[in-house]
C-alpha atoms as a PDB file:
ATOM      1  CA  MET A   1     107.620 102.749 124.007  1.00  0.00           C
ATOM      2  CA  ALA A   2     106.544 104.874 121.044  1.00  0.00           C
ATOM      3  CA  VAL A   3     106.245 107.906 123.344  1.00  0.00           C
ATOM      4  CA  ALA A   4     109.690 107.229 124.795  1.00  0.00           C
ATOM      5  CA  LEU A   5     111.250 106.973 121.352  1.00  0.00           C
ATOM      6  CA  GLY A   6     109.510 110.148 120.236  1.00  0.00           C
ATOM      7  CA  SER A   7     110.938 111.927 123.283  1.00  0.00           C
ATOM      8  CA  ALA A   8     114.388 110.549 122.433  1.00  0.00           C
ATOM      9  CA  VAL A   9     114.174 112.068 118.955  1.00  0.00           C
ATOM     10  CA  ALA A  10     113.343 115.446 120.518  1.00  0.00           C
ATOM     11  CA  VAL A  11     116.356 115.116 122.844  1.00  0.00           C
ATOM     12  CA  TRP A  12     118.680 114.293 119.924  1.00  0.00           C
ATOM     13  CA  VAL A  13     117.408 117.324 117.986  1.00  0.00           C
ATOM     14  CA  LEU A  14     118.030 119.625 120.949  1.00  0.00           C
ATOM     15  CA  ALA A  15     121.472 118.090 121.498  1.00  0.00           C
ATOM     16  CA  LEU A  16     122.282 118.598 117.826  1.00  0.00           C
ATOM     17  CA  ALA A  17     121.289 122.251 117.999  1.00  0.00           C
ATOM     18  CA  ALA A  18     123.333 122.800 121.174  1.00  0.00           C
ATOM     19  CA  SER A  19     126.357 120.986 119.748  1.00  0.00           C
ATOM     20  CA  LEU A  20     126.288 123.005 116.535  1.00  0.00           C
ATOM     21  CA  ALA A  21     126.150 126.220 118.530  1.00  0.00           C
ATOM     22  CA  ALA A  22     129.030 125.141 120.759  1.00  0.00           C
ATOM     23  CA  GLN A  23     131.423 124.085 117.981  1.00  0.00           C
ATOM     24  CA  PRO A  24     133.789 126.898 116.936  1.00  0.00           C
ATOM     25  CA  THR A  25     134.963 125.275 113.696  1.00  0.00           C
ATOM     26  CA  ALA A  26     133.235 124.040 110.567  1.00  0.00           C
ATOM     27  CA  GLY A  27     134.794 120.581 111.021  1.00  0.00           C
ATOM     28  CA  GLY A  28     133.381 120.306 114.505  1.00  0.00           C
ATOM     29  CA  LYS A  29     129.933 121.322 113.321  1.00  0.00           C
ATOM     30  CA  ILE A  30     130.061 118.708 110.550  1.00  0.00           C
ATOM     31  CA  ALA A  31     131.148 115.973 112.989  1.00  0.00           C
ATOM     32  CA  ALA A  32     128.378 116.916 115.420  1.00  0.00           C
ATOM     33  CA  GLY A  33     125.834 116.954 112.597  1.00  0.00           C
ATOM     34  CA  VAL A  34     126.884 113.476 111.437  1.00  0.00           C
ATOM     35  CA  ILE A  35     126.868 111.954 114.925  1.00  0.00           C
ATOM     36  CA  PHE A  36     123.531 113.338 116.046  1.00  0.00           C
ATOM     37  CA  GLY A  37     122.028 112.911 112.574  1.00  0.00           C
ATOM     38  CA  VAL A  38     122.816 109.202 112.708  1.00  0.00           C
ATOM     39  CA  MET A  39     121.329 108.938 116.197  1.00  0.00           C
ATOM     40  CA  ILE A  40     118.147 110.677 115.042  1.00  0.00           C
ATOM     41  CA  LEU A  41     117.812 108.369 112.023  1.00  0.00           C
ATOM     42  CA  LEU A  42     118.379 105.253 114.133  1.00  0.00           C
ATOM     43  CA  THR A  43     115.805 106.369 116.703  1.00  0.00           C
ATOM     44  CA  VAL A  44     113.227 107.219 114.016  1.00  0.00           C
ATOM     45  CA  GLY A  45     113.820 103.809 112.403  1.00  0.00           C
ATOM     46  CA  LEU A  46     113.345 102.047 115.731  1.00  0.00           C
ATOM     47  CA  TRP A  47     110.189 104.070 116.371  1.00  0.00           C
ATOM     48  CA  HIS A  48     108.790 103.034 112.982  1.00  0.00           C
ATOM     49  CA  ALA A  49     109.608  99.365 113.640  1.00  0.00           C
ATOM     50  CA  VAL A  50     107.901  99.443 117.030  1.00  0.00           C
ATOM     51  CA  ASN A  51     104.905 101.342 115.683  1.00  0.00           C
ATOM     52  CA  THR A  52     104.254  98.759 112.954  1.00  0.00           C
ATOM     53  CA  MET A  53     105.066  95.658 114.991  1.00  0.00           C
ATOM     54  CA  THR A  54     102.504  92.891 115.362  1.00  0.00           C
ATOM     55  CA  TRP A  55     102.139  90.198 118.003  1.00  0.00           C
ATOM     56  CA  ALA A  56     100.208  86.969 117.776  1.00  0.00           C
ATOM     57  CA  GLU A  57      99.084  84.143 120.036  1.00  0.00           C
ATOM     58  CA  VAL A  58      97.491  80.738 119.649  1.00  0.00           C
ATOM     59  CA  GLN A  59      95.238  79.822 122.540  1.00  0.00           C
ATOM     60  CA  VAL A  60      94.645  76.066 122.684  1.00  0.00           C
ATOM     61  CA  GLY A  61      91.640  74.727 124.587  1.00  0.00           C
ATOM     62  CA  ARG A  62      89.640  71.519 124.603  1.00  0.00           C
ATOM     63  CA  ASP A  63      86.705  73.129 122.786  1.00  0.00           C
ATOM     64  CA  ALA A  64      88.459  75.575 120.477  1.00  0.00           C
ATOM     65  CA  ILE A  65      91.773  76.856 119.168  1.00  0.00           C
ATOM     66  CA  VAL A  66      91.835  80.634 118.772  1.00  0.00           C
ATOM     67  CA  TYR A  67      94.368  82.673 116.832  1.00  0.00           C
ATOM     68  CA  ARG A  68      94.663  86.367 117.763  1.00  0.00           C
ATOM     69  CA  ARG A  69      96.819  89.296 116.686  1.00  0.00           C
ATOM     70  CA  TRP A  70      97.834  92.605 118.236  1.00  0.00           C
ATOM     71  CA  VAL A  71      98.926  95.548 116.107  1.00  0.00           C
ATOM     72  CA  ALA A  72     101.166  98.216 117.604  1.00  0.00           C
ATOM     73  CA  LYS A  73      99.970 101.022 115.328  1.00  0.00           C
ATOM     74  CA  ARG A  74      96.504 100.545 116.791  1.00  0.00           C
ATOM     75  CA  ALA A  75      97.806 101.426 120.234  1.00  0.00           C
ATOM     76  CA  ALA A  76      98.343  97.735 121.042  1.00  0.00           C
ATOM     77  CA  LYS A  77      94.619  97.047 120.836  1.00  0.00           C
ATOM     78  CA  ARG A  78      93.780  93.423 120.287  1.00  0.00           C
ATOM     79  CA  VAL A  79      92.364  92.672 116.884  1.00  0.00           C
ATOM     80  CA  ALA A  80      89.258  90.468 116.758  1.00  0.00           C
ATOM     81  CA  PRO A  81      90.141  86.753 116.606  1.00  0.00           C
ATOM     82  CA  SER A  82      91.484  86.024 113.165  1.00  0.00           C
ATOM     83  CA  LEU A  83      90.358  82.431 113.271  1.00  0.00           C
ATOM     84  CA  THR A  84      88.728  79.930 115.605  1.00  0.00           C
ATOM     85  CA  LEU A  85      88.870  76.157 115.092  1.00  0.00           C
ATOM     86  CA  TRP A  86      85.896  74.605 116.894  1.00  0.00           C
ATOM     87  CA  ARG A  87      86.224  71.103 118.324  1.00  0.00           C
ATOM     88  CA  ALA A  88      82.517  70.496 117.710  1.00  0.00           C
ATOM     89  CA  ASN A  89      83.199  70.566 113.947  1.00  0.00           C
ATOM     90  CA  GLY A  90      85.929  67.945 114.149  1.00  0.00           C
ATOM     91  CA  GLU A  91      88.853  67.002 116.357  1.00  0.00           C
ATOM     92  CA  TRP A  92      91.429  66.239 113.652  1.00  0.00           C
ATOM     93  CA  LEU A  93      94.332  68.533 112.880  1.00  0.00           C
ATOM     94  CA  ARG A  94      97.337  68.504 110.580  1.00  0.00           C
ATOM     95  CA  ILE A  95     100.512  70.545 110.297  1.00  0.00           C
ATOM     96  CA  LEU A  96     100.816  71.843 106.735  1.00  0.00           C
ATOM     97  CA  PRO A  97     104.389  72.718 105.704  1.00  0.00           C
ATOM     98  CA  SER A  98     105.183  76.106 104.232  1.00  0.00           C
ATOM     99  CA  LEU A  99     103.995  76.560 100.665  1.00  0.00           C
ATOM    100  CA  SER A 100     105.897  78.355  97.923  1.00  0.00           C
ATOM    101  CA  ASN A 101     104.402  77.978  94.480  1.00  0.00           C
ATOM    102  CA  HIS A 102     105.392  80.323  91.647  1.00  0.00           C
ATOM    103  CA  GLY A 103     105.119  83.486  93.696  1.00  0.00           C
ATOM    104  CA  PHE A 104     102.355  82.218  95.970  1.00  0.00           C
ATOM    105  CA  ASN A 105     103.544  81.770  99.568  1.00  0.00           C
ATOM    106  CA  ARG A 106     101.995  80.493 102.780  1.00  0.00           C
ATOM    107  CA  PRO A 107     103.732  79.845 106.120  1.00  0.00           C
ATOM    108  CA  VAL A 108     103.537  76.633 108.128  1.00  0.00           C
ATOM    109  CA  ARG A 109      99.890  76.251 109.201  1.00  0.00           C
ATOM    110  CA  LEU A 110      97.825  74.371 111.772  1.00  0.00           C
ATOM    111  CA  PHE A 111      95.045  72.928 109.628  1.00  0.00           C
ATOM    112  CA  HIS A 112      91.571  71.825 110.743  1.00  0.00           C
ATOM    113  CA  PHE A 113      91.529  68.569 108.829  1.00  0.00           C
ATOM    114  CA  GLY A 114      88.335  67.838 106.923  1.00  0.00           C
ATOM    115  CA  VAL A 115      86.728  71.047 108.174  1.00  0.00           C
ATOM    116  CA  GLY A 116      88.802  73.855 106.695  1.00  0.00           C
ATOM    117  CA  GLY A 117      90.469  76.763 108.393  1.00  0.00           C
ATOM    118  CA  ALA A 118      94.174  77.157 108.990  1.00  0.00           C
ATOM    119  CA  VAL A 119      96.144  78.990 111.667  1.00  0.00           C
ATOM    120  CA  PRO A 120      99.531  80.454 110.610  1.00  0.00           C
ATOM    121  CA  LEU A 121     102.399  79.183 112.755  1.00  0.00           C
ATOM    122  CA  ASP A 122     105.278  81.222 111.357  1.00  0.00           C
ATOM    123  CA  ARG A 123     105.645  82.997 114.724  1.00  0.00           C
ATOM    124  CA  PHE A 124     105.504  79.846 116.849  1.00  0.00           C
ATOM    125  CA  ARG A 125     107.413  76.658 117.534  1.00  0.00           C
ATOM    126  CA  VAL A 126     105.450  74.003 115.685  1.00  0.00           C
ATOM    127  CA  ASP A 127     106.379  71.186 118.089  1.00  0.00           C
ATOM    128  CA  GLN A 128     105.111  73.164 121.080  1.00  0.00           C
ATOM    129  CA  VAL A 129     101.820  73.982 119.366  1.00  0.00           C
ATOM    130  CA  LYS A 130     101.320  70.332 118.435  1.00  0.00           C
ATOM    131  CA  GLN A 131     102.070  69.167 121.992  1.00  0.00           C
ATOM    132  CA  ALA A 132      99.607  71.695 123.408  1.00  0.00           C
ATOM    133  CA  CYS A 133      96.898  70.521 120.997  1.00  0.00           C
ATOM    134  CA  GLU A 134      97.461  66.852 121.816  1.00  0.00           C
ATOM    135  CA  ALA A 135      97.416  67.628 125.549  1.00  0.00           C
ATOM    136  CA  ALA A 136      94.005  69.270 125.039  1.00  0.00           C
ATOM    137  CA  GLY A 137      92.653  66.175 123.286  1.00  0.00           C
ATOM    138  CA  TRP A 138      93.000  67.199 119.643  1.00  0.00           C
ATOM    139  CA  ARG A 139      94.164  64.481 117.244  1.00  0.00           C
ATOM    140  CA  PHE A 140      96.700  64.396 114.427  1.00  0.00           C
ATOM    141  CA  ASP A 141      95.628  61.102 112.863  1.00  0.00           C
ATOM    142  CA  GLY A 142      92.530  60.245 110.843  1.00  0.00           C
ATOM    143  CA  ASP A 143      91.815  59.031 107.335  1.00  0.00           C
ATOM    144  CA  PRO A 144      93.720  61.043 104.690  1.00  0.00           C
ATOM    145  CA  ALA A 145      90.542  60.902 102.571  1.00  0.00           C
ATOM    146  CA  ARG A 146      89.146  63.602 104.864  1.00  0.00           C
ATOM    147  CA  ALA A 147      91.233  66.046 102.845  1.00  0.00           C
ATOM    148  CA  VAL A 148      88.912  65.565  99.839  1.00  0.00           C
ATOM    149  CA  THR A 149      86.344  67.860 101.443  1.00  0.00           C
ATOM    150  CA  ASP A 150      88.974  70.556 101.915  1.00  0.00           C
ATOM    151  CA  VAL A 151      90.284  70.169  98.362  1.00  0.00           C
ATOM    152  CA  GLN A 152      86.744  70.623  97.025  1.00  0.00           C
ATOM    153  CA  ARG A 153      86.187  73.658  99.260  1.00  0.00           C
ATOM    154  CA  TRP A 154      89.455  75.346  98.280  1.00  0.00           C
ATOM    155  CA  LEU A 155      88.887  74.634  94.593  1.00  0.00           C
ATOM    156  CA  HIS A 156      85.552  76.456  94.676  1.00  0.00           C
ATOM    157  CA  ALA A 157      87.147  79.327  96.626  1.00  0.00           C
ATOM    158  CA  GLY A 158      89.858  79.716  93.992  1.00  0.00           C
ATOM    159  CA  GLN A 159      92.581  78.605  96.417  1.00  0.00           C
ATOM    160  CA  THR A 160      93.991  75.993  94.078  1.00  0.00           C
ATOM    161  CA  ALA A 161      97.614  76.369  95.201  1.00  0.00           C
ATOM    162  CA  GLU A 162      96.545  75.247  98.692  1.00  0.00           C
ATOM    163  CA  ALA A 163      94.289  72.565  97.205  1.00  0.00           C
ATOM    164  CA  ALA A 164      97.176  71.208  95.134  1.00  0.00           C
ATOM    165  CA  GLN A 165      99.312  71.025  98.271  1.00  0.00           C
ATOM    166  CA  LEU A 166      96.659  68.904  99.995  1.00  0.00           C
ATOM    167  CA  ILE A 167      96.581  66.561  97.006  1.00  0.00           C
ATOM    168  CA  GLU A 168     100.360  66.142  97.190  1.00  0.00           C
ATOM    169  CA  LEU A 169     100.263  65.515 100.944  1.00  0.00           C
ATOM    170  CA  PHE A 170      97.201  63.265 101.205  1.00  0.00           C
ATOM    171  CA  GLY A 171      96.302  62.208  97.648  1.00  0.00           C
ATOM    172  CA  PRO A 172      96.329  61.139  94.906  1.00  0.00           C
ATOM    173  CA  PHE A 173      92.467  60.794  95.062  1.00  0.00           C
ATOM    174  CA  THR A 174      92.492  59.203  91.599  1.00  0.00           C
ATOM    175  CA  GLU A 175      88.840  58.102  91.658  1.00  0.00           C
ATOM    176  CA  VAL A 176      87.350  61.296  93.127  1.00  0.00           C
ATOM    177  CA  ALA A 177      85.183  63.499  90.925  1.00  0.00           C
ATOM    178  CA  VAL A 178      84.468  67.205  91.303  1.00  0.00           C
ATOM    179  CA  ASP A 179      81.287  67.349  93.394  1.00  0.00           C
ATOM    180  CA  ASP A 180      78.634  65.403  91.462  1.00  0.00           C
ATOM    181  CA  ASP A 181      80.306  65.806  88.067  1.00  0.00           C
ATOM    182  CA  ALA A 182      81.118  62.231  87.133  1.00  0.00           C
ATOM    183  CA  GLY A 183      83.025  63.394  84.066  1.00  0.00           C
ATOM    184  CA  THR A 184      85.732  65.494  85.717  1.00  0.00           C
ATOM    185  CA  SER A 185      88.509  64.429  88.055  1.00  0.00           C
ATOM    186  CA  LEU A 186      88.955  66.521  91.187  1.00  0.00           C
ATOM    187  CA  VAL A 187      92.734  66.428  90.807  1.00  0.00           C
ATOM    188  CA  ALA A 188      92.522  67.441  87.143  1.00  0.00           C
ATOM    189  CA  ALA A 189      90.196  70.331  87.971  1.00  0.00           C
ATOM    190  CA  VAL A 190      92.556  71.664  90.646  1.00  0.00           C
ATOM    191  CA  LEU A 191      95.662  71.438  88.462  1.00  0.00           C
ATOM    192  CA  GLU A 192      93.930  72.931  85.422  1.00  0.00           C
ATOM    193  CA  ASP A 193      92.619  75.860  87.450  1.00  0.00           C
ATOM    194  CA  ARG A 194      96.089  76.477  88.865  1.00  0.00           C
ATOM    195  CA  GLY A 195      97.478  76.408  85.330  1.00  0.00           C
ATOM    196  CA  ASP A 196      94.866  78.950  84.200  1.00  0.00           C
ATOM    197  CA  ARG A 197      96.019  81.309  86.951  1.00  0.00           C
ATOM    198  CA  LEU A 198      99.669  81.031  85.919  1.00  0.00           C
ATOM    199  CA  VAL A 199      99.477  80.885  82.142  1.00  0.00           C
ATOM    200  CA  ARG A 200      99.835  84.630  81.503  1.00  0.00           C
ATOM    201  CA  ARG A 201     102.970  85.070  83.598  1.00  0.00           C
ATOM    202  CA  ASN A 202     104.577  81.620  83.577  1.00  0.00           C
ATOM    203  CA  ARG A 203     103.695  79.557  80.534  1.00  0.00           C
ATOM    204  CA  PRO A 204     106.154  76.683  81.216  1.00  0.00           C
ATOM    205  CA  ALA A 205     104.706  76.204  84.722  1.00  0.00           C
ATOM    206  CA  ALA A 206     101.180  76.338  83.331  1.00  0.00           C
ATOM    207  CA  ARG A 207     102.070  73.785  80.660  1.00  0.00           C
ATOM    208  CA  ASP A 208     103.407  71.383  83.293  1.00  0.00           C
ATOM    209  CA  LEU A 209     100.199  71.767  85.316  1.00  0.00           C
ATOM    210  CA  TYR A 210      98.028  71.153  82.241  1.00  0.00           C
ATOM    211  CA  GLN A 211      99.989  68.027  81.391  1.00  0.00           C
ATOM    212  CA  ARG A 212      99.652  66.712  84.938  1.00  0.00           C
ATOM    213  CA  ALA A 213      95.949  67.540  84.875  1.00  0.00           C
ATOM    214  CA  ALA A 214      95.502  65.578  81.651  1.00  0.00           C
ATOM    215  CA  GLN A 215      97.327  62.599  83.171  1.00  0.00           C
ATOM    216  CA  ALA A 216      95.080  62.737  86.246  1.00  0.00           C
ATOM    217  CA  GLN A 217      92.008  62.888  84.009  1.00  0.00           C
ATOM    218  CA  ARG A 218      93.160  59.811  82.067  1.00  0.00           C
ATOM    219  CA  ALA A 219      93.750  57.931  85.311  1.00  0.00           C
ATOM    220  CA  PHE A 220      90.239  58.982  86.330  1.00  0.00           C
ATOM    221  CA  ALA A 221      88.918  57.562  83.046  1.00  0.00           C
ATOM    222  CA  GLY A 222      90.489  54.223  83.906  1.00  0.00           C
ATOM    223  CA  CYS A 223      88.449  54.036  87.105  1.00  0.00           C
ATOM    224  CA  THR A 224      85.104  53.422  85.377  1.00  0.00           C
ATOM    225  CA  PRO A 225      84.012  50.245  83.540  1.00  0.00           C
ATOM    226  CA  ALA A 226      81.367  52.141  81.549  1.00  0.00           C
ATOM    227  CA  ARG A 227      82.699  52.713  78.018  1.00  0.00           C
ATOM    228  CA  GLY A 228      80.633  55.795  77.345  1.00  0.00           C
ATOM    229  CA  GLN A 229      81.692  57.464  80.569  1.00  0.00           C
ATOM    230  CA  ALA A 230      85.328  56.508  80.048  1.00  0.00           C
ATOM    231  CA  ALA A 231      85.231  58.000  76.546  1.00  0.00           C
ATOM    232  CA  ALA A 232      83.800  61.256  77.880  1.00  0.00           C
ATOM    233  CA  ARG A 233      86.509  61.443  80.506  1.00  0.00           C
ATOM    234  CA  LEU A 234      89.216  60.803  77.909  1.00  0.00           C
ATOM    235  CA  ALA A 235      87.774  63.541  75.721  1.00  0.00           C
ATOM    236  CA  GLU A 236      88.127  65.901  78.679  1.00  0.00           C
ATOM    237  CA  ALA A 237      91.766  64.832  79.020  1.00  0.00           C
ATOM    238  CA  ASP A 238      92.329  65.620  75.330  1.00  0.00           C
ATOM    239  CA  ARG A 239      90.836  69.081  75.870  1.00  0.00           C
ATOM    240  CA  ILE A 240      93.293  69.779  78.694  1.00  0.00           C
ATOM    241  CA  ASP A 241      96.163  68.434  76.596  1.00  0.00           C
ATOM    242  CA  ALA A 242      95.247  70.938  73.901  1.00  0.00           C
ATOM    243  CA  LYS A 243      95.677  73.758  76.421  1.00  0.00           C
ATOM    244  CA  ALA A 244      99.149  72.416  77.207  1.00  0.00           C
ATOM    245  CA  GLU A 245      99.994  72.436  73.484  1.00  0.00           C
ATOM    246  CA  ASP A 246      98.877  76.062  73.219  1.00  0.00           C
ATOM    247  CA  THR A 247     101.473  77.097  75.792  1.00  0.00           C
ATOM    248  CA  LYS A 248     104.395  75.756  73.774  1.00  0.00           C
ATOM    249  CA  PRO A 249     106.609  78.376  72.087  1.00  0.00           C
ATOM    250  CA  ARG A 250     105.963  78.937  68.401  1.00  0.00           C
ATOM    251  CA  LEU A 251     108.936  78.721  66.048  1.00  0.00           C
ATOM    252  CA  LYS A 252     109.240  81.634  63.594  1.00  0.00           C
ATOM    253  CA  ARG A 253     110.499  81.068  60.090  1.00  0.00           C
END
């Protein structure tokens, strides 16, 4: 198609030259230039669109789900599989809705629940993908607590916007600590990290995240009967609250 469009541009250029030579008046030359100029621009634009177009597919099987992409500017060569979800690692899936969080965006995704890995579904009908997965034996149920593993993984990878989405969908995970750190709530750690990433460009959003993190940390403190441990957890909540206070605007006298 790219070759055909390139040939079309050459034809329009030749037609423009012939038309300009054939027109006896300046008005006719201008009209010919406008008409064929527009045709050339439209053809070049279409050529560019085709040359940069991408295609994608999701291949669903009993043992694996494979996501692949093709890129037109690479002469329609298939790119190596972007992602493979292996059934041997777990048979549970979830559909994660699109995510838009203060400039951070993700499309609807097919998520390997409790294992990690997500396939973008912005180019596909979600209901058809889900039906194909269920027909191949994949499951969309399972204990929501499986998401804890993914929240921990995404926190350590710095993907706290995605981790926060999992908490909203499957949480609240009030009693869960970060790894083996009995003093820090997983939810508080995710929200605080997200606040740290936003504080320079969106202080009100960061302040809200810090406040929510402090609340999660206080709820976490209420989950232990040990006074010393509860006090340490509350002190951590006070530390996060102080970060929220620092984001408030200062009044000038």
